[in-house]
Amino acid sequence: MIRFGLADLSADRTPISVMLLDDDTRRHRWFEQRFSGDNLDIAINVEDAVEFLAENNYDAVFLDHDLLPRHYETNDHDDYDRTGLAVAVWLNENPEVQKAATIIVHTRNADAAIPMVQKLRESGRNVEYCAFPMLDLKIKNYWKR
């Protein structure tokens, strides 16, 4: 049956724990659909994200960079402590937290994603950048249902 492609080799996976940092409610719904049946915590700001990360263990962490409307306009601002970069810095400073999580920086802002990935890799994190339009394919490859 396997040789002829007639056997069903699919297997249900157990639910995973996911943390999302993103300010866009449309993306919240998008993630809720992709991770239906899993445990999903959604943070819309740095403070909530840090609290989730400090108190829970996650299999996957998704980080956006631009968390305020003015961040969409330019990377030339002085409030990086209110962006996803602040979470990357916090994780770097707390290397014992979320050691086993797969971290994906999913911002459309590629220029801002690179420093986030670099900062996370400094502490040996399993991290990569994936532009949001390609994220669906990445999720399907990592966490196939």
C-alpha atoms as a PDB file:
ATOM      1  CA  MET A   1       0.000   0.000   0.000  1.00  0.00           C
ATOM      2  CA  ILE A   2       2.833   2.385   0.862  1.00  0.00           C
ATOM      3  CA  ARG A   3       4.664   1.627  -2.373  1.00  0.00           C
ATOM      4  CA  PHE A   4       1.608   2.571  -4.426  1.00  0.00           C
ATOM      5  CA  GLY A   5       0.802   5.666  -2.382  1.00  0.00           C
ATOM      6  CA  LEU A   6      -2.450   4.207  -1.098  1.00  0.00           C
ATOM      7  CA  ALA A   7      -1.587   4.147   2.608  1.00  0.00           C
ATOM      8  CA  ASP A   8      -2.501   7.073   4.795  1.00  0.00           C
ATOM      9  CA  LEU A   9       0.767   7.921   6.575  1.00  0.00           C
ATOM     10  CA  SER A  10      -0.493  11.128   8.127  1.00  0.00           C
ATOM     11  CA  ALA A  11      -0.518  11.439  11.884  1.00  0.00           C
ATOM     12  CA  ASP A  12      -2.227  13.909  14.119  1.00  0.00           C
ATOM     13  CA  ARG A  13       0.195  15.989  16.083  1.00  0.00           C
ATOM     14  CA  THR A  14      -0.311  16.928  19.668  1.00  0.00           C
ATOM     15  CA  PRO A  15      -1.284  20.521  20.381  1.00  0.00           C
ATOM     16  CA  ILE A  16       1.586  22.967  20.683  1.00  0.00           C
ATOM     17  CA  SER A  17       1.966  26.183  22.664  1.00  0.00           C
ATOM     18  CA  VAL A  18       2.401  29.347  20.623  1.00  0.00           C
ATOM     19  CA  MET A  19       3.045  32.962  21.583  1.00  0.00           C
ATOM     20  CA  LEU A  20       2.350  35.746  19.117  1.00  0.00           C
ATOM     21  CA  LEU A  21       3.496  39.355  19.425  1.00  0.00           C
ATOM     22  CA  ASP A  22       1.575  41.459  16.923  1.00  0.00           C
ATOM     23  CA  ASP A  23      -0.594  44.571  17.106  1.00  0.00           C
ATOM     24  CA  ASP A  24      -2.762  43.766  14.058  1.00  0.00           C
ATOM     25  CA  THR A  25      -6.107  42.144  14.971  1.00  0.00           C
ATOM     26  CA  ARG A  26      -6.416  40.747  11.429  1.00  0.00           C
ATOM     27  CA  ARG A  27      -3.216  38.837  12.009  1.00  0.00           C
ATOM     28  CA  HIS A  28      -4.568  37.638  15.345  1.00  0.00           C
ATOM     29  CA  ARG A  29      -7.470  36.004  13.498  1.00  0.00           C
ATOM     30  CA  TRP A  30      -5.073  34.632  10.877  1.00  0.00           C
ATOM     31  CA  PHE A  31      -2.931  32.981  13.568  1.00  0.00           C
ATOM     32  CA  GLU A  32      -6.026  31.671  15.383  1.00  0.00           C
ATOM     33  CA  GLN A  33      -7.043  29.879  12.184  1.00  0.00           C
ATOM     34  CA  ARG A  34      -3.554  28.475  11.523  1.00  0.00           C
ATOM     35  CA  PHE A  35      -3.160  27.224  15.084  1.00  0.00           C
ATOM     36  CA  SER A  36      -6.717  26.069  15.709  1.00  0.00           C
ATOM     37  CA  GLY A  37      -6.567  23.339  18.359  1.00  0.00           C
ATOM     38  CA  ASP A  38      -3.278  24.619  19.750  1.00  0.00           C
ATOM     39  CA  ASN A  39      -2.646  26.867  22.756  1.00  0.00           C
ATOM     40  CA  LEU A  40      -2.179  30.427  21.458  1.00  0.00           C
ATOM     41  CA  ASP A  41      -1.292  33.443  23.600  1.00  0.00           C
ATOM     42  CA  ILE A  42      -1.466  36.832  21.887  1.00  0.00           C
ATOM     43  CA  ALA A  43       0.449  39.887  23.058  1.00  0.00           C
ATOM     44  CA  ILE A  44      -0.052  43.299  21.478  1.00  0.00           C
ATOM     45  CA  ASN A  45       2.786  45.075  23.259  1.00  0.00           C
ATOM     46  CA  VAL A  46       6.242  44.418  24.683  1.00  0.00           C
ATOM     47  CA  GLU A  47       5.087  44.228  28.300  1.00  0.00           C
ATOM     48  CA  ASP A  48       2.499  41.519  27.617  1.00  0.00           C
ATOM     49  CA  ALA A  49       4.944  39.538  25.474  1.00  0.00           C
ATOM     50  CA  VAL A  50       7.622  39.571  28.176  1.00  0.00           C
ATOM     51  CA  GLU A  51       5.075  38.501  30.782  1.00  0.00           C
ATOM     52  CA  PHE A  52       3.895  35.560  28.626  1.00  0.00           C
ATOM     53  CA  LEU A  53       7.469  34.513  27.847  1.00  0.00           C
ATOM     54  CA  ALA A  54       8.542  34.685  31.489  1.00  0.00           C
ATOM     55  CA  GLU A  55       5.591  32.680  32.804  1.00  0.00           C
ATOM     56  CA  ASN A  56       5.017  29.997  30.122  1.00  0.00           C
ATOM     57  CA  ASN A  57       6.885  27.551  27.922  1.00  0.00           C
ATOM     58  CA  TYR A  58       6.287  27.754  24.184  1.00  0.00           C
ATOM     59  CA  ASP A  59       7.064  25.536  21.233  1.00  0.00           C
ATOM     60  CA  ALA A  60       6.823  28.497  18.853  1.00  0.00           C
ATOM     61  CA  VAL A  61       7.228  32.246  19.311  1.00  0.00           C
ATOM     62  CA  PHE A  62       6.272  34.698  16.569  1.00  0.00           C
ATOM     63  CA  LEU A  63       7.594  38.244  16.870  1.00  0.00           C
ATOM     64  CA  ASP A  64       6.531  41.286  14.897  1.00  0.00           C
ATOM     65  CA  HIS A  65       8.699  44.406  14.969  1.00  0.00           C
ATOM     66  CA  ASP A  66       6.341  47.276  14.191  1.00  0.00           C
ATOM     67  CA  LEU A  67       3.837  47.556  17.041  1.00  0.00           C
ATOM     68  CA  LEU A  68       2.644  51.137  16.653  1.00  0.00           C
ATOM     69  CA  PRO A  69       1.282  52.931  13.554  1.00  0.00           C
ATOM     70  CA  ARG A  70       4.251  55.319  13.429  1.00  0.00           C
ATOM     71  CA  HIS A  71       6.619  52.340  13.166  1.00  0.00           C
ATOM     72  CA  TYR A  72       5.107  51.501   9.776  1.00  0.00           C
ATOM     73  CA  GLU A  73       6.302  54.794   8.333  1.00  0.00           C
ATOM     74  CA  THR A  74      10.006  54.680   9.150  1.00  0.00           C
ATOM     75  CA  ASN A  75      12.662  52.893  11.176  1.00  0.00           C
ATOM     76  CA  ASP A  76      14.019  56.281  12.202  1.00  0.00           C
ATOM     77  CA  HIS A  77      12.320  56.660  15.585  1.00  0.00           C
ATOM     78  CA  ASP A  78      13.481  56.676  19.185  1.00  0.00           C
ATOM     79  CA  ASP A  79      11.074  54.220  20.788  1.00  0.00           C
ATOM     80  CA  TYR A  80      12.667  50.849  20.051  1.00  0.00           C
ATOM     81  CA  ASP A  81      11.643  49.816  23.556  1.00  0.00           C
ATOM     82  CA  ARG A  82       8.089  49.611  22.153  1.00  0.00           C
ATOM     83  CA  THR A  83       8.974  47.319  19.215  1.00  0.00           C
ATOM     84  CA  GLY A  84       9.632  43.615  18.824  1.00  0.00           C
ATOM     85  CA  LEU A  85      13.341  44.414  19.109  1.00  0.00           C
ATOM     86  CA  ALA A  86      12.811  45.040  22.830  1.00  0.00           C
ATOM     87  CA  VAL A  87      11.500  41.475  23.208  1.00  0.00           C
ATOM     88  CA  ALA A  88      14.506  40.136  21.291  1.00  0.00           C
ATOM     89  CA  VAL A  89      16.824  42.072  23.607  1.00  0.00           C
ATOM     90  CA  TRP A  90      14.967  40.773  26.678  1.00  0.00           C
ATOM     91  CA  LEU A  91      15.248  37.175  25.442  1.00  0.00           C
ATOM     92  CA  ASN A  92      18.947  37.713  24.788  1.00  0.00           C
ATOM     93  CA  GLU A  93      19.405  38.999  28.349  1.00  0.00           C
ATOM     94  CA  ASN A  94      17.446  35.996  29.700  1.00  0.00           C
ATOM     95  CA  PRO A  95      18.973  33.038  27.834  1.00  0.00           C
ATOM     96  CA  GLU A  96      17.365  30.455  30.130  1.00  0.00           C
ATOM     97  CA  VAL A  97      13.878  31.538  29.015  1.00  0.00           C
ATOM     98  CA  GLN A  98      12.312  29.781  26.004  1.00  0.00           C
ATOM     99  CA  LYS A  99      15.538  27.925  25.147  1.00  0.00           C
ATOM    100  CA  ALA A 100      13.754  25.242  23.140  1.00  0.00           C
ATOM    101  CA  ALA A 101      11.249  27.452  21.309  1.00  0.00           C
ATOM    102  CA  THR A 102      11.406  27.994  17.583  1.00  0.00           C
ATOM    103  CA  ILE A 103      11.314  31.764  17.107  1.00  0.00           C
ATOM    104  CA  ILE A 104      10.135  33.333  13.878  1.00  0.00           C
ATOM    105  CA  VAL A 105      10.388  37.057  13.246  1.00  0.00           C
ATOM    106  CA  HIS A 106       7.478  37.651  10.881  1.00  0.00           C
ATOM    107  CA  THR A 107       7.501  41.395  10.295  1.00  0.00           C
ATOM    108  CA  ARG A 108       7.135  42.893   6.819  1.00  0.00           C
ATOM    109  CA  ASN A 109       9.919  45.280   7.858  1.00  0.00           C
ATOM    110  CA  ALA A 110      13.000  43.347   6.704  1.00  0.00           C
ATOM    111  CA  ASP A 111      15.391  46.122   7.773  1.00  0.00           C
ATOM    112  CA  ALA A 112      14.123  45.836  11.342  1.00  0.00           C
ATOM    113  CA  ALA A 113      13.983  42.026  11.294  1.00  0.00           C
ATOM    114  CA  ILE A 114      17.721  41.598  10.781  1.00  0.00           C
ATOM    115  CA  PRO A 115      18.779  43.202  14.104  1.00  0.00           C
ATOM    116  CA  MET A 116      16.118  41.143  15.896  1.00  0.00           C
ATOM    117  CA  VAL A 117      17.409  37.882  14.419  1.00  0.00           C
ATOM    118  CA  GLN A 118      21.021  38.841  15.178  1.00  0.00           C
ATOM    119  CA  LYS A 119      20.196  39.712  18.776  1.00  0.00           C
ATOM    120  CA  LEU A 120      18.350  36.413  19.299  1.00  0.00           C
ATOM    121  CA  ARG A 121      21.144  34.375  17.730  1.00  0.00           C
ATOM    122  CA  GLU A 122      23.645  35.921  20.169  1.00  0.00           C
ATOM    123  CA  SER A 123      22.036  33.798  22.890  1.00  0.00           C
ATOM    124  CA  GLY A 124      21.979  30.652  20.726  1.00  0.00           C
ATOM    125  CA  ARG A 125      18.307  30.819  19.808  1.00  0.00           C
ATOM    126  CA  ASN A 126      16.687  28.814  17.034  1.00  0.00           C
ATOM    127  CA  VAL A 127      15.412  31.833  15.105  1.00  0.00           C
ATOM    128  CA  GLU A 128      14.742  32.883  11.559  1.00  0.00           C
ATOM    129  CA  TYR A 129      13.105  35.673   9.634  1.00  0.00           C
ATOM    130  CA  CYS A 130      10.115  34.968   7.445  1.00  0.00           C
ATOM    131  CA  ALA A 131       8.269  37.785   5.707  1.00  0.00           C
ATOM    132  CA  PHE A 132       4.592  37.626   6.600  1.00  0.00           C
ATOM    133  CA  PRO A 133       3.417  36.745   3.050  1.00  0.00           C
ATOM    134  CA  MET A 134       5.521  33.546   3.207  1.00  0.00           C
ATOM    135  CA  LEU A 135       4.554  32.627   6.758  1.00  0.00           C
ATOM    136  CA  ASP A 136       1.699  30.283   5.868  1.00  0.00           C
ATOM    137  CA  LEU A 137       4.073  27.974   4.017  1.00  0.00           C
ATOM    138  CA  LYS A 138       6.602  28.106   6.870  1.00  0.00           C
ATOM    139  CA  ILE A 139       3.931  27.145   9.421  1.00  0.00           C
ATOM    140  CA  LYS A 140       2.738  24.263   7.258  1.00  0.00           C
ATOM    141  CA  ASN A 141       6.301  22.964   6.950  1.00  0.00           C
ATOM    142  CA  TYR A 142       7.098  23.204  10.667  1.00  0.00           C
ATOM    143  CA  TRP A 143       3.789  22.287  12.257  1.00  0.00           C
ATOM    144  CA  LYS A 144       1.920  20.204   9.707  1.00  0.00           C
ATOM    145  CA  ARG A 145      -1.526  18.978  10.661  1.00  0.00           C
END
